[in-house]
Structures are given as structure tokens and as C-alpha cells.
């Protein structure tokens, strides 16, 4: 037969309790330690104290002590949540409706951080400025901005322009780049000084630069032709935008998908011919051809290197500036 053994403190108490209860450990010349139930604070406490276990009432607490244990179970909050401290320094979890602020450094060593995600319809009803999430509808990272609401968040960095030169032999149509690039628009390619239109004149596959004709068939570079290649940047996300339009002989204004910084932040082509900045301007989100309207059925491609899609956040790297200067010099 097994009997239950327990110790009851304050056994003779009756009515409302007003005394602290617990264990005090005498430590000689060192300050005493204890584990008590603090009646006034309504909580258990591991403490340092000058008490010797003779006081009846409020135990004087000099300091609080560390408790080492294998694990701590929080019974009153949701499972599988991030744990923080509440207004009374109690442990709480980041359940729905709870805000936990980290005022120091949060380091994920050898780990990763998964941002909140959801569709456009699942955006929070009352967002806070600075909130960041992944929008599964648009497949873009977005943030909540003052005076702009939800909008794309730009994440990227620029690297110095890398230069490569190749020579055609009339047979070879593919050339190996020093580094893989995110898209054809991340390169500026010229053959004998003539800038080529990405996607129409060449494509990229991994580290291969491949020249194509109007039917998208691999096409060799003629013998002796010099191929100049500029790696404009190595972004962590694709920051280059390309807008395509068709001329009608009268329209001069075409709306871009992202507002450029200025006229030098875009590189337009009309039927694969580079357009000098003297013949166009920008007006907000529009490119405006100031000289004359593009011909009817002409193909217009506008490469926008100047912006990362976020409101009032403009990014232009030195790499892009050098590429634009190079394009203008080619005329």
C-alpha cells in the first residue's frame, strides 16, 4: 500500500490569509535564499532574503533568483507560439491579438525566418505602419506604408559592372558568362557598338548568353563581330522591369508598370533601335516621346533599371548609372 506524503505550511490558518509561506535556507554569513508564495504579489518566488524563517507576515525580498529546470510549461496560452513577456513580466505567447516587442537583437544562427504570408484578401484589417508580409496573390513582398497603404517592398543590392567581350566566328551563337544572371534584362549587350534588345535579340540560360533571331531561333554571331557584355547588377531579387507597347503612329505617351526615377533611369527601344534621351521624356509613370510618335505597328520596349517597386523608395546603383552612361555614349 502506497501512502501520499506531503507537507502543509500554515496549517492552523483560518479566514483570509495575509502571510507569506515557504522555505528559507540559512546560509551563514551569506545572504539567505528561499522559495516562497508571495501573498501580496499572488505568485511563487525564488528569492534572496535577510529573513531566517521566523517572520509572520510579509517576507522581505532582497532580490529574485534564477531557477534552472528542464522545461517550463505555460498552461494558459496557445501552444506552438513565440514566447515573450507581458506587462507584468509574465511569460505570454504570441497568440492571435497579442503583440510581443523585441527591443534587442534577434539572431537566427544557422536558421531562417519565414515571413507572414497570405492572399490580398487576407491582409490584416487594422495594419500597423511597417508591417511586412508575402502576398500570395501578387507573389510579391509587401509592406504597409504611411500615406501609401500596402505596396511592394523592394529588396535588392547592386554590384559593380562586370565587362566581358567575345568575338563571333559565324558559327557560335552561345557564349559563357562569368556569372549567372537573373534575366536577359540584367545584361546590356552590344554587337559592333549596336545595343541589342533583350528578349528579342538574345536570351540567357544560366550562364549562357544565347543570340536569337526574330523567330526566337538560335542565331550565330557573324565572323569577326565584337560582342560587348555589361553585367549591370547581381540583385537578390529581380529589380529590372520591361514594358512592351505597340505604336499606332500617333500615341506619344505610354504608361510604365513602375514609375522611373527620371528619363535616364529607363532605356527605350523602338523596333530594336535604342532611343536617345533627347527624343523622349518621363512624366510620372509615363514615357513621352517628344520628337515624334513611334510608327504604326512598331515594337516599343522600355527597360526600367531605376526603381525597386516600393513607394518613395528609389534605388539606383553605381552599376546602373555606368550602364546608362554607356548606352547614351553609344547613341
Protein backbone atom coordinates (compact mmCIF):
# COMPACT_ATOMS: atom_id res chain seq x y z
CA UNK A 1 0.00 0.00 0.00
CA UNK A 2 1.35 3.39 -1.04
CA UNK A 3 0.54 6.40 1.12
CA UNK A 4 0.72 10.02 -0.04
CA UNK A 5 3.25 12.18 1.75
CA UNK A 6 3.00 15.96 1.76
CA UNK A 7 3.95 18.92 3.92
CA UNK A 8 1.39 21.58 4.76
CA UNK A 9 2.62 25.01 5.80
CA UNK A 10 0.49 27.45 7.82
CA UNK A 11 -1.67 24.52 8.87
CA UNK A 12 -3.58 26.44 11.55
CA UNK A 13 -4.62 29.29 9.26
CA UNK A 14 -8.28 30.31 9.17
CA UNK A 15 -10.11 33.10 7.39
CA UNK A 16 -8.32 35.26 4.85
CA UNK A 17 -4.58 34.61 4.52
CA UNK A 18 -2.19 37.53 4.93
CA UNK A 19 1.18 35.86 5.44
CA UNK A 20 3.85 34.69 3.01
CA UNK A 21 4.66 30.98 3.14
CA UNK A 22 7.60 28.90 2.01
CA UNK A 23 11.09 27.70 2.72
CA UNK A 24 14.04 29.83 3.89
CA UNK A 25 17.54 28.39 3.59
CA UNK A 26 20.02 29.61 6.21
CA UNK A 27 23.47 30.26 4.63
CA UNK A 28 25.63 31.56 7.49
CA UNK A 29 27.48 34.75 6.53
CA UNK A 30 26.00 34.57 3.01
CA UNK A 31 22.56 36.04 2.37
CA UNK A 32 19.76 33.53 2.77
CA UNK A 33 17.79 32.09 -0.13
CA UNK A 34 14.21 31.00 -0.21
CA UNK A 35 11.31 29.71 -2.20
CA UNK A 36 8.04 31.26 -1.08
CA UNK A 37 4.50 32.04 -2.08
CA UNK A 38 4.30 35.84 -2.07
CA UNK A 39 0.76 36.54 -0.87
CA UNK A 40 0.71 40.22 -1.80
CA UNK A 41 2.01 39.58 -5.33
CA UNK A 42 -0.07 36.40 -5.69
CA UNK A 43 2.86 34.44 -7.12
CA UNK A 44 5.60 31.96 -6.25
CA UNK A 45 9.09 33.47 -5.98
CA UNK A 46 12.69 32.26 -5.67
CA UNK A 47 14.35 34.95 -3.60
CA UNK A 48 17.30 36.29 -1.63
CA UNK A 49 16.27 37.48 1.82
CA UNK A 50 17.58 38.53 5.22
CA UNK A 51 14.76 36.59 6.85
CA UNK A 52 15.52 33.48 8.91
CA UNK A 53 12.13 31.86 8.77
CA UNK A 54 10.77 33.47 11.94
CA UNK A 55 8.76 36.33 10.45
CA UNK A 56 4.98 36.03 10.31
CA UNK A 57 3.60 38.23 7.60
CA UNK A 58 5.43 39.79 4.65
CA UNK A 59 8.83 38.26 3.84
CA UNK A 60 11.42 40.93 2.93
CA UNK A 61 12.71 40.22 -0.57
CA UNK A 62 16.25 41.44 -1.31
CA UNK A 63 16.43 40.05 -4.86
CA UNK A 64 14.99 37.41 -7.13
CA UNK A 65 16.93 34.29 -8.07
CA UNK A 66 17.34 32.19 -11.22
CA UNK A 67 15.58 28.84 -11.43
CA UNK A 68 17.19 26.19 -13.68
CA UNK A 69 14.87 23.50 -14.99
CA UNK A 70 14.50 21.21 -17.93
CA UNK A 71 11.43 22.96 -19.32
CA UNK A 72 8.66 25.34 -18.32
CA UNK A 73 5.06 24.68 -19.31
CA UNK A 74 2.73 27.65 -19.73
CA UNK A 75 -0.79 26.38 -19.15
CA UNK A 76 -2.94 29.39 -20.02
CA UNK A 77 -1.70 30.22 -23.55
CA UNK A 78 -1.77 28.68 -27.01
CA UNK A 79 0.76 26.02 -27.97
CA UNK A 80 3.38 26.39 -30.75
CA UNK A 81 3.68 30.14 -30.30
CA UNK A 82 6.60 32.52 -29.80
CA UNK A 83 7.05 33.31 -26.09
CA UNK A 84 7.63 36.79 -24.70
CA UNK A 85 6.83 38.80 -21.58
CA UNK A 86 3.65 40.67 -20.78
CA UNK A 87 3.09 43.98 -19.00
CA UNK A 88 3.63 42.31 -15.59
CA UNK A 89 6.76 40.47 -16.86
CA UNK A 90 4.85 37.21 -17.01
CA UNK A 91 5.51 34.80 -19.87
CA UNK A 92 2.97 35.02 -22.67
CA UNK A 93 2.70 33.53 -26.16
CA UNK A 94 2.19 35.35 -29.45
CA UNK A 95 -1.36 34.12 -29.87
CA UNK A 96 -3.76 36.00 -32.14
CA UNK A 97 -4.22 39.54 -30.84
CA UNK A 98 -1.03 39.52 -28.77
CA UNK A 99 1.89 41.82 -29.55
CA UNK A 100 5.43 40.98 -28.49
CA UNK A 101 8.14 43.60 -28.95
CA UNK A 102 11.82 42.68 -29.31
CA UNK A 103 13.92 45.66 -28.20
CA UNK A 104 17.26 43.94 -28.70
CA UNK A 105 18.85 41.76 -31.39
CA UNK A 106 17.09 38.61 -32.57
CA UNK A 107 19.65 36.31 -34.20
CA UNK A 108 18.71 33.19 -36.18
CA UNK A 109 22.06 31.39 -36.24
CA UNK A 110 22.12 28.70 -38.94
CA UNK A 111 18.36 29.09 -39.28
CA UNK A 112 15.85 31.02 -41.33
CA UNK A 113 12.96 33.41 -40.94
CA UNK A 114 9.64 32.78 -42.66
CA UNK A 115 7.64 35.98 -43.09
CA UNK A 116 3.87 36.02 -42.62
CA UNK A 117 2.08 35.18 -45.84
CA UNK A 118 -1.42 35.20 -47.24
CA UNK A 119 -3.55 36.47 -50.10
CA UNK A 120 -4.55 40.05 -50.73
CA UNK A 121 -7.94 39.31 -49.17
CA UNK A 122 -6.21 38.01 -46.03
CA UNK A 123 -4.39 41.25 -45.24
CA UNK A 124 -4.94 42.35 -41.61
CA UNK A 125 -7.95 44.61 -41.14
CA UNK A 126 -6.05 47.13 -38.98
CA UNK A 127 -2.40 47.02 -40.09
CA UNK A 128 0.43 48.91 -38.39
CA UNK A 129 2.92 51.01 -40.36
CA UNK A 130 5.99 48.92 -41.12
CA UNK A 131 4.25 45.54 -41.28
CA UNK A 132 5.85 43.16 -43.79
CA UNK A 133 4.29 40.08 -45.39
CA UNK A 134 4.43 37.91 -48.53
CA UNK A 135 1.37 38.38 -50.74
CA UNK A 136 0.46 35.02 -52.28
CA UNK A 137 -1.90 36.71 -54.74
CA UNK A 138 0.69 39.02 -56.32
CA UNK A 139 3.68 36.80 -55.39
CA UNK A 140 5.46 39.87 -54.04
CA UNK A 141 6.78 41.00 -50.68
CA UNK A 142 4.79 43.97 -49.45
CA UNK A 143 4.85 46.43 -46.56
CA UNK A 144 2.34 48.86 -45.06
CA UNK A 145 3.48 52.45 -45.60
CA UNK A 146 2.22 55.78 -44.21
CA UNK A 147 0.11 57.61 -46.81
CA UNK A 148 0.60 54.73 -49.27
CA UNK A 149 -1.01 51.70 -47.65
CA UNK A 150 0.01 48.26 -48.81
CA UNK A 151 2.63 48.37 -51.54
CA UNK A 152 5.52 46.35 -52.89
CA UNK A 153 8.67 46.20 -50.82
CA UNK A 154 12.00 46.42 -52.62
CA UNK A 155 14.76 44.06 -51.58
CA UNK A 156 17.95 44.19 -53.56
CA UNK A 157 21.57 45.23 -53.79
CA UNK A 158 23.89 46.28 -56.58
CA UNK A 159 27.34 45.12 -57.54
CA UNK A 160 29.97 46.77 -59.76
CA UNK A 161 29.52 46.40 -63.50
CA UNK A 162 31.36 43.42 -64.94
CA UNK A 163 32.58 43.54 -68.52
CA UNK A 164 33.09 40.70 -70.97
CA UNK A 165 33.98 40.70 -74.65
CA UNK A 166 33.54 37.94 -77.21
CA UNK A 167 34.23 37.63 -80.94
CA UNK A 168 31.85 35.92 -83.36
CA UNK A 169 33.03 33.26 -85.78
CA UNK A 170 29.90 32.88 -87.89
CA UNK A 171 29.04 29.57 -86.20
CA UNK A 172 28.88 30.13 -82.46
CA UNK A 173 25.62 31.53 -81.06
CA UNK A 174 26.14 30.81 -77.33
CA UNK A 175 28.73 32.46 -75.09
CA UNK A 176 29.54 31.59 -71.46
CA UNK A 177 29.20 34.42 -68.93
CA UNK A 178 31.40 34.80 -65.86
CA UNK A 179 28.33 34.66 -63.60
CA UNK A 180 24.71 33.53 -63.95
CA UNK A 181 22.22 36.40 -64.25
CA UNK A 182 18.59 36.72 -63.20
CA UNK A 183 17.28 37.67 -66.66
CA UNK A 184 18.29 38.97 -70.09
CA UNK A 185 17.45 42.46 -68.85
CA UNK A 186 20.26 42.22 -66.27
CA UNK A 187 22.74 42.49 -69.18
CA UNK A 188 23.50 45.21 -71.70
CA UNK A 189 24.77 43.62 -74.90
CA UNK A 190 26.15 45.36 -77.99
CA UNK A 191 27.40 43.89 -81.27
CA UNK A 192 29.88 46.15 -83.06
CA UNK A 193 28.57 49.06 -80.94
CA UNK A 194 24.87 48.43 -81.64
CA UNK A 195 22.89 47.79 -78.45
CA UNK A 196 20.79 44.62 -78.66
CA UNK A 197 17.24 44.37 -77.32
CA UNK A 198 16.97 41.75 -74.53
CA UNK A 199 14.41 39.04 -75.18
CA UNK A 200 14.28 39.87 -78.89
CA UNK A 201 17.95 39.62 -79.86
CA UNK A 202 19.26 37.44 -77.05
CA UNK A 203 18.21 35.39 -74.05
CA UNK A 204 20.08 33.92 -71.09
CA UNK A 205 20.03 30.41 -69.69
CA UNK A 206 22.05 30.03 -66.51
CA UNK A 207 25.48 31.34 -67.51
CA UNK A 208 24.88 31.10 -71.26
CA UNK A 209 24.21 34.16 -73.40
CA UNK A 210 22.28 32.94 -76.47
CA UNK A 211 21.62 35.06 -79.56
CA UNK A 212 18.31 34.53 -81.34
CA UNK A 213 16.59 35.82 -84.48
CA UNK A 214 13.05 37.16 -84.96
CA UNK A 215 11.67 33.62 -84.79
CA UNK A 216 13.41 33.00 -81.43
CA UNK A 217 15.78 30.56 -83.14
CA UNK A 218 19.42 30.45 -82.08
CA UNK A 219 21.39 32.62 -84.50
CA UNK A 220 25.20 32.75 -84.83
CA UNK A 221 27.13 35.99 -84.47
CA UNK A 222 28.83 36.89 -87.73
CA UNK A 223 32.52 36.22 -88.14
CA UNK A 224 34.72 38.95 -86.62
CA UNK A 225 31.86 40.80 -84.89
CA UNK A 226 32.73 42.09 -81.41
CA UNK A 227 30.23 41.32 -78.65
CA UNK A 228 30.39 43.65 -75.63
CA UNK A 229 28.57 42.48 -72.49
CA UNK A 230 27.91 44.53 -69.36
CA UNK A 231 26.61 42.76 -66.24
CA UNK A 232 24.51 45.57 -64.86
CA UNK A 233 23.92 44.13 -61.38
CA UNK A 234 23.52 40.99 -59.34
CA UNK A 235 20.24 41.64 -57.49
CA UNK A 236 18.91 39.47 -54.72
CA UNK A 237 15.55 39.88 -56.42
CA UNK A 238 14.87 40.97 -59.96
CA UNK A 239 14.60 44.79 -59.88
CA UNK A 240 14.55 45.29 -63.67
CA UNK A 241 11.19 45.86 -65.31
CA UNK A 242 10.48 45.67 -69.05
CA UNK A 243 7.32 47.19 -70.55
CA UNK A 244 6.27 46.40 -74.12
CA UNK A 245 3.95 48.50 -76.28
CA UNK A 246 2.90 48.72 -79.94
CA UNK A 247 2.96 52.07 -81.71
CA UNK A 248 -0.03 53.40 -83.66
CA UNK A 249 1.63 56.35 -85.40
CA UNK A 250 0.04 58.98 -83.13
CA UNK A 251 0.37 57.95 -79.47
CA UNK A 252 3.32 59.53 -77.72
CA UNK A 253 2.54 58.66 -74.05
CA UNK A 254 2.86 55.10 -72.76
CA UNK A 255 2.26 54.12 -69.13
CA UNK A 256 5.03 52.09 -67.48
CA UNK A 257 4.37 49.45 -64.83
CA UNK A 258 6.68 51.22 -62.35
CA UNK A 259 7.40 54.96 -62.14
CA UNK A 260 11.04 55.66 -63.10
CA UNK A 261 13.34 57.98 -61.20
CA UNK A 262 13.93 60.14 -64.29
CA UNK A 263 14.46 59.82 -68.05
CA UNK A 264 17.92 58.39 -67.54
CA UNK A 265 16.54 55.55 -65.42
CA UNK A 266 14.97 53.88 -68.47
CA UNK A 267 16.37 52.57 -71.75
CA UNK A 268 13.76 52.51 -74.55
CA UNK A 269 13.99 50.66 -77.88
CA UNK A 270 11.74 51.13 -80.91
CA UNK A 271 11.97 48.19 -83.32
CA UNK A 272 15.19 47.17 -81.55
CA UNK A 273 16.76 50.62 -82.09
CA UNK A 274 18.00 52.39 -78.96
CA UNK A 275 16.35 55.79 -78.41
CA UNK A 276 18.48 58.76 -77.38
CA UNK A 277 17.24 60.60 -74.22
CA UNK A 278 16.86 63.72 -76.40
CA UNK A 279 13.80 62.23 -78.12
CA UNK A 280 11.81 61.24 -75.03
CA UNK A 281 10.99 62.36 -71.51
CA UNK A 282 9.16 60.96 -68.49
CA UNK A 283 6.02 62.34 -66.85
CA UNK A 284 5.29 60.45 -63.63
CA UNK A 285 4.64 56.86 -64.68
CA UNK A 286 4.62 57.68 -68.41
CA UNK A 287 7.31 57.73 -71.07
CA UNK A 288 6.60 60.53 -73.51
CA UNK A 289 8.16 60.61 -76.99
CA UNK A 290 8.80 64.33 -77.56
CA UNK A 291 10.21 64.21 -81.10
CA UNK A 292 7.57 62.15 -82.90
CA UNK A 293 5.22 59.29 -82.14
CA UNK A 294 6.51 55.77 -82.85
CA UNK A 295 5.34 54.41 -86.19
CA UNK A 296 2.26 52.26 -86.51
CA UNK A 297 2.86 48.61 -85.53
CA UNK A 298 6.35 49.48 -84.23
CA UNK A 299 7.51 47.44 -81.25
CA UNK A 300 8.41 49.52 -78.18
CA UNK A 301 10.41 48.03 -75.32
CA UNK A 302 11.25 50.11 -72.26
CA UNK A 303 13.81 48.70 -69.82
CA UNK A 304 13.40 50.27 -66.38
CA UNK A 305 16.53 49.94 -64.24
CA UNK A 306 15.89 52.87 -61.95
CA UNK A 307 13.48 51.62 -59.32
CA UNK A 308 12.72 48.90 -56.86
CA UNK A 309 8.91 48.67 -56.55
CA UNK A 310 8.20 50.42 -53.25
CA UNK A 311 6.56 53.81 -52.74
CA UNK A 312 9.03 56.66 -52.41
CA UNK A 313 11.94 54.18 -52.23
CA UNK A 314 14.21 54.75 -55.21
CA UNK A 315 17.27 52.60 -55.78
CA UNK A 316 19.88 53.36 -58.39
CA UNK A 317 23.21 51.62 -58.02
CA UNK A 318 26.50 52.80 -59.43
CA UNK A 319 26.26 49.82 -61.75
CA UNK A 320 23.07 51.17 -63.29
CA UNK A 321 24.50 54.68 -63.66
CA UNK A 322 27.51 53.28 -65.51
CA UNK A 323 25.27 51.21 -67.78
CA UNK A 324 23.11 54.23 -68.64
CA UNK A 325 26.18 56.34 -69.40
CA UNK A 326 27.43 53.55 -71.66
CA UNK A 327 24.11 53.38 -73.51
CA UNK A 328 24.00 57.15 -74.04
CA UNK A 329 27.56 57.13 -75.33
CA UNK A 330 26.59 54.53 -77.92
CA UNK A 331 23.91 56.92 -79.15
